[in-house]
């Protein structure tokens, strides 16, 4: 892990955290995808198996 990088599990108030992010790496859940798109945050989606 690099300095300034944060890996977390459940986050209360996730939309506000995502909106403040420079980049998100997330599983491709619908809500997360829509929140990242609405916040114009660059993202890398990792699909579930």
PDB file of N, CA and C in Angstrom:
ATOM      1  N   UNK A   1       0.842  -1.168   0.000  1.00  0.00           N
ATOM      2  CA  UNK A   1       0.000   0.000   0.000  1.00  0.00           C
ATOM      3  C   UNK A   1       0.897   1.244   0.000  1.00  0.00           C
ATOM      4  N   UNK A   2       0.453   2.244  -0.692  1.00  0.00           N
ATOM      5  CA  UNK A   2       1.225   3.483  -0.809  1.00  0.00           C
ATOM      6  C   UNK A   2       0.734   4.540   0.177  1.00  0.00           C
ATOM      7  N   UNK A   3       1.610   5.476   0.461  1.00  0.00           N
ATOM      8  CA  UNK A   3       1.256   6.583   1.339  1.00  0.00           C
ATOM      9  C   UNK A   3       0.098   7.362   0.728  1.00  0.00           C
ATOM     10  N   UNK A   4      -0.893   7.698   1.533  1.00  0.00           N
ATOM     11  CA  UNK A   4      -2.056   8.433   1.065  1.00  0.00           C
ATOM     12  C   UNK A   4      -3.174   7.541   0.562  1.00  0.00           C
ATOM     13  N   UNK A   5      -2.940   6.234   0.550  1.00  0.00           N
ATOM     14  CA  UNK A   5      -3.944   5.278   0.093  1.00  0.00           C
ATOM     15  C   UNK A   5      -4.664   4.715   1.305  1.00  0.00           C
ATOM     16  N   UNK A   6      -5.963   4.528   1.195  1.00  0.00           N
ATOM     17  CA  UNK A   6      -6.754   4.034   2.305  1.00  0.00           C
ATOM     18  C   UNK A   6      -7.654   2.896   1.819  1.00  0.00           C
ATOM     19  N   UNK A   7      -7.564   1.745   2.453  1.00  0.00           N
ATOM     20  CA  UNK A   7      -8.415   0.607   2.126  1.00  0.00           C
ATOM     21  C   UNK A   7      -9.377   0.413   3.293  1.00  0.00           C
ATOM     22  N   UNK A   8     -10.671   0.431   2.998  1.00  0.00           N
ATOM     23  CA  UNK A   8     -11.682   0.329   4.055  1.00  0.00           C
ATOM     24  C   UNK A   8     -12.772  -0.658   3.673  1.00  0.00           C
ATOM     25  N   UNK A   9     -13.519  -1.097   4.665  1.00  0.00           N
ATOM     26  CA  UNK A   9     -14.681  -1.951   4.446  1.00  0.00           C
ATOM     27  C   UNK A   9     -15.928  -1.083   4.392  1.00  0.00           C
ATOM     28  N   UNK A  10     -16.860  -1.300   5.327  1.00  0.00           N
ATOM     29  CA  UNK A  10     -18.089  -0.512   5.395  1.00  0.00           C
ATOM     30  C   UNK A  10     -17.768   0.911   5.834  1.00  0.00           C
ATOM     31  N   UNK A  11     -18.378   1.870   5.150  1.00  0.00           N
ATOM     32  CA  UNK A  11     -18.160   3.282   5.483  1.00  0.00           C
ATOM     33  C   UNK A  11     -19.510   3.972   5.622  1.00  0.00           C
ATOM     34  N   UNK A  12     -19.866   4.422   6.833  1.00  0.00           N
ATOM     35  CA  UNK A  12     -21.103   5.204   6.953  1.00  0.00           C
ATOM     36  C   UNK A  12     -20.911   6.552   6.252  1.00  0.00           C
ATOM     37  N   UNK A  13     -21.932   7.051   5.602  1.00  0.00           N
ATOM     38  CA  UNK A  13     -21.817   8.317   4.877  1.00  0.00           C
ATOM     39  C   UNK A  13     -20.969   8.189   3.628  1.00  0.00           C
ATOM     40  N   UNK A  14     -21.065   7.043   2.957  1.00  0.00           N
ATOM     41  CA  UNK A  14     -20.209   6.747   1.802  1.00  0.00           C
ATOM     42  C   UNK A  14     -20.277   7.794   0.689  1.00  0.00           C
ATOM     43  N   UNK A  15     -21.429   8.322   0.299  1.00  0.00           N
ATOM     44  CA  UNK A  15     -21.448   9.302  -0.800  1.00  0.00           C
ATOM     45  C   UNK A  15     -20.529  10.501  -0.567  1.00  0.00           C
ATOM     46  N   UNK A  16     -20.455  10.991   0.651  1.00  0.00           N
ATOM     47  CA  UNK A  16     -19.582  12.134   0.949  1.00  0.00           C
ATOM     48  C   UNK A  16     -18.114  11.739   0.837  1.00  0.00           C
ATOM     49  N   UNK A  17     -17.783  10.521   1.273  1.00  0.00           N
ATOM     50  CA  UNK A  17     -16.402  10.037   1.182  1.00  0.00           C
ATOM     51  C   UNK A  17     -16.014   9.853  -0.279  1.00  0.00           C
ATOM     52  N   UNK A  18     -16.890   9.260  -1.073  1.00  0.00           N
ATOM     53  CA  UNK A  18     -16.611   9.051  -2.494  1.00  0.00           C
ATOM     54  C   UNK A  18     -16.441  10.377  -3.222  1.00  0.00           C
ATOM     55  N   UNK A  19     -17.258  11.356  -2.887  1.00  0.00           N
ATOM     56  CA  UNK A  19     -17.180  12.660  -3.554  1.00  0.00           C
ATOM     57  C   UNK A  19     -15.850  13.355  -3.280  1.00  0.00           C
ATOM     58  N   UNK A  20     -15.214  13.040  -2.149  1.00  0.00           N
ATOM     59  CA  UNK A  20     -13.940  13.660  -1.793  1.00  0.00           C
ATOM     60  C   UNK A  20     -12.745  12.889  -2.351  1.00  0.00           C
ATOM     61  N   UNK A  21     -12.987  11.734  -2.960  1.00  0.00           N
ATOM     62  CA  UNK A  21     -11.900  10.878  -3.439  1.00  0.00           C
ATOM     63  C   UNK A  21     -11.351  11.355  -4.778  1.00  0.00           C
ATOM     64  N   UNK A  22     -10.074  11.090  -5.019  1.00  0.00           N
ATOM     65  CA  UNK A  22      -9.457  11.344  -6.316  1.00  0.00           C
ATOM     66  C   UNK A  22      -9.683  10.166  -7.252  1.00  0.00           C
ATOM     67  N   UNK A  23      -9.717   8.967  -6.687  1.00  0.00           N
ATOM     68  CA  UNK A  23      -9.895   7.732  -7.448  1.00  0.00           C
ATOM     69  C   UNK A  23     -10.503   6.697  -6.535  1.00  0.00           C
ATOM     70  N   UNK A  24     -11.418   5.899  -7.052  1.00  0.00           N
ATOM     71  CA  UNK A  24     -12.023   4.816  -6.275  1.00  0.00           C
ATOM     72  C   UNK A  24     -11.812   3.499  -7.000  1.00  0.00           C
ATOM     73  N   UNK A  25     -11.462   2.469  -6.246  1.00  0.00           N
ATOM     74  CA  UNK A  25     -11.409   1.102  -6.756  1.00  0.00           C
ATOM     75  C   UNK A  25     -12.486   0.358  -5.982  1.00  0.00           C
ATOM     76  N   UNK A  26     -13.506  -0.127  -6.683  1.00  0.00           N
ATOM     77  CA  UNK A  26     -14.654  -0.704  -5.996  1.00  0.00           C
ATOM     78  C   UNK A  26     -15.230  -1.883  -6.768  1.00  0.00           C
ATOM     79  N   UNK A  27     -15.950  -2.725  -6.036  1.00  0.00           N
ATOM     80  CA  UNK A  27     -16.721  -3.765  -6.705  1.00  0.00           C
ATOM     81  C   UNK A  27     -17.851  -3.067  -7.445  1.00  0.00           C
ATOM     82  N   UNK A  28     -18.264  -3.636  -8.527  1.00  0.00           N
ATOM     83  CA  UNK A  28     -19.222  -2.959  -9.401  1.00  0.00           C
ATOM     84  C   UNK A  28     -20.661  -3.005  -8.951  1.00  0.00           C
ATOM     85  N   UNK A  29     -20.959  -2.585  -7.714  1.00  0.00           N
ATOM     86  CA  UNK A  29     -22.337  -2.515  -7.244  1.00  0.00           C
ATOM     87  C   UNK A  29     -23.046  -1.311  -7.846  1.00  0.00           C
ATOM     88  N   UNK A  30     -24.333  -1.430  -8.077  1.00  0.00           N
ATOM     89  CA  UNK A  30     -25.089  -0.366  -8.747  1.00  0.00           C
ATOM     90  C   UNK A  30     -25.035   0.952  -7.990  1.00  0.00           C
ATOM     91  N   UNK A  31     -25.292   0.931  -6.693  1.00  0.00           N
ATOM     92  CA  UNK A  31     -25.305   2.179  -5.925  1.00  0.00           C
ATOM     93  C   UNK A  31     -23.942   2.871  -5.955  1.00  0.00           C
ATOM     94  N   UNK A  32     -22.890   2.098  -5.764  1.00  0.00           N
ATOM     95  CA  UNK A  32     -21.551   2.680  -5.778  1.00  0.00           C
ATOM     96  C   UNK A  32     -21.229   3.267  -7.142  1.00  0.00           C
ATOM     97  N   UNK A  33     -21.561   2.542  -8.197  1.00  0.00           N
ATOM     98  CA  UNK A  33     -21.315   3.031  -9.560  1.00  0.00           C
ATOM     99  C   UNK A  33     -22.049   4.341  -9.809  1.00  0.00           C
ATOM    100  N   UNK A  34     -23.302   4.411  -9.412  1.00  0.00           N
ATOM    101  CA  UNK A  34     -24.087   5.627  -9.630  1.00  0.00           C
ATOM    102  C   UNK A  34     -23.565   6.795  -8.793  1.00  0.00           C
ATOM    103  N   UNK A  35     -23.176   6.530  -7.538  1.00  0.00           N
ATOM    104  CA  UNK A  35     -22.654   7.601  -6.693  1.00  0.00           C
ATOM    105  C   UNK A  35     -21.337   8.148  -7.232  1.00  0.00           C
ATOM    106  N   UNK A  36     -20.469   7.269  -7.723  1.00  0.00           N
ATOM    107  CA  UNK A  36     -19.201   7.717  -8.306  1.00  0.00           C
ATOM    108  C   UNK A  36     -19.429   8.511  -9.591  1.00  0.00           C
ATOM    109  N   UNK A  37     -20.350   8.057 -10.407  1.00  0.00           N
ATOM    110  CA  UNK A  37     -20.676   8.759 -11.644  1.00  0.00           C
ATOM    111  C   UNK A  37     -21.240  10.147 -11.344  1.00  0.00           C
ATOM    112  N   UNK A  38     -22.165  10.226 -10.385  1.00  0.00           N
ATOM    113  CA  UNK A  38     -22.773  11.511 -10.019  1.00  0.00           C
ATOM    114  C   UNK A  38     -21.737  12.479  -9.454  1.00  0.00           C
ATOM    115  N   UNK A  39     -20.737  11.950  -8.740  1.00  0.00           N
ATOM    116  CA  UNK A  39     -19.705  12.800  -8.144  1.00  0.00           C
ATOM    117  C   UNK A  39     -18.556  13.078  -9.110  1.00  0.00           C
ATOM    118  N   UNK A  40     -18.600  12.519 -10.314  1.00  0.00           N
ATOM    119  CA  UNK A  40     -17.545  12.691 -11.322  1.00  0.00           C
ATOM    120  C   UNK A  40     -16.175  12.258 -10.792  1.00  0.00           C
ATOM    121  N   UNK A  41     -16.153  11.110 -10.108  1.00  0.00           N
ATOM    122  CA  UNK A  41     -14.918  10.561  -9.556  1.00  0.00           C
ATOM    123  C   UNK A  41     -14.416   9.453 -10.477  1.00  0.00           C
ATOM    124  N   UNK A  42     -13.143   9.496 -10.824  1.00  0.00           N
ATOM    125  CA  UNK A  42     -12.547   8.422 -11.619  1.00  0.00           C
ATOM    126  C   UNK A  42     -12.594   7.136 -10.815  1.00  0.00           C
ATOM    127  N   UNK A  43     -12.854   6.031 -11.501  1.00  0.00           N
ATOM    128  CA  UNK A  43     -12.990   4.789 -10.762  1.00  0.00           C
ATOM    129  C   UNK A  43     -12.569   3.583 -11.604  1.00  0.00           C
ATOM    130  N   UNK A  44     -12.206   2.546 -10.886  1.00  0.00           N
ATOM    131  CA  UNK A  44     -11.877   1.262 -11.482  1.00  0.00           C
ATOM    132  C   UNK A  44     -12.817   0.260 -10.839  1.00  0.00           C
ATOM    133  N   UNK A  45     -13.656  -0.369 -11.654  1.00  0.00           N
ATOM    134  CA  UNK A  45     -14.634  -1.333 -11.151  1.00  0.00           C
ATOM    135  C   UNK A  45     -14.082  -2.740 -11.242  1.00  0.00           C
ATOM    136  N   UNK A  46     -14.213  -3.489 -10.164  1.00  0.00           N
ATOM    137  CA  UNK A  46     -13.791  -4.888 -10.138  1.00  0.00           C
ATOM    138  C   UNK A  46     -15.060  -5.724  -9.993  1.00  0.00           C
ATOM    139  N   UNK A  47     -15.448  -6.481 -11.025  1.00  0.00           N
ATOM    140  CA  UNK A  47     -16.699  -7.235 -10.952  1.00  0.00           C
ATOM    141  C   UNK A  47     -16.613  -8.386  -9.950  1.00  0.00           C
ATOM    142  N   UNK A  48     -17.758  -8.707  -9.368  1.00  0.00           N
ATOM    143  CA  UNK A  48     -17.850  -9.876  -8.497  1.00  0.00           C
ATOM    144  C   UNK A  48     -17.768 -11.128  -9.356  1.00  0.00           C
ATOM    145  N   UNK A  49     -17.301 -12.203  -8.784  1.00  0.00           N
ATOM    146  CA  UNK A  49     -17.237 -13.460  -9.545  1.00  0.00           C
ATOM    147  C   UNK A  49     -18.590 -14.003  -9.822  1.00  0.00           C
TER     148      UNK A  49
END
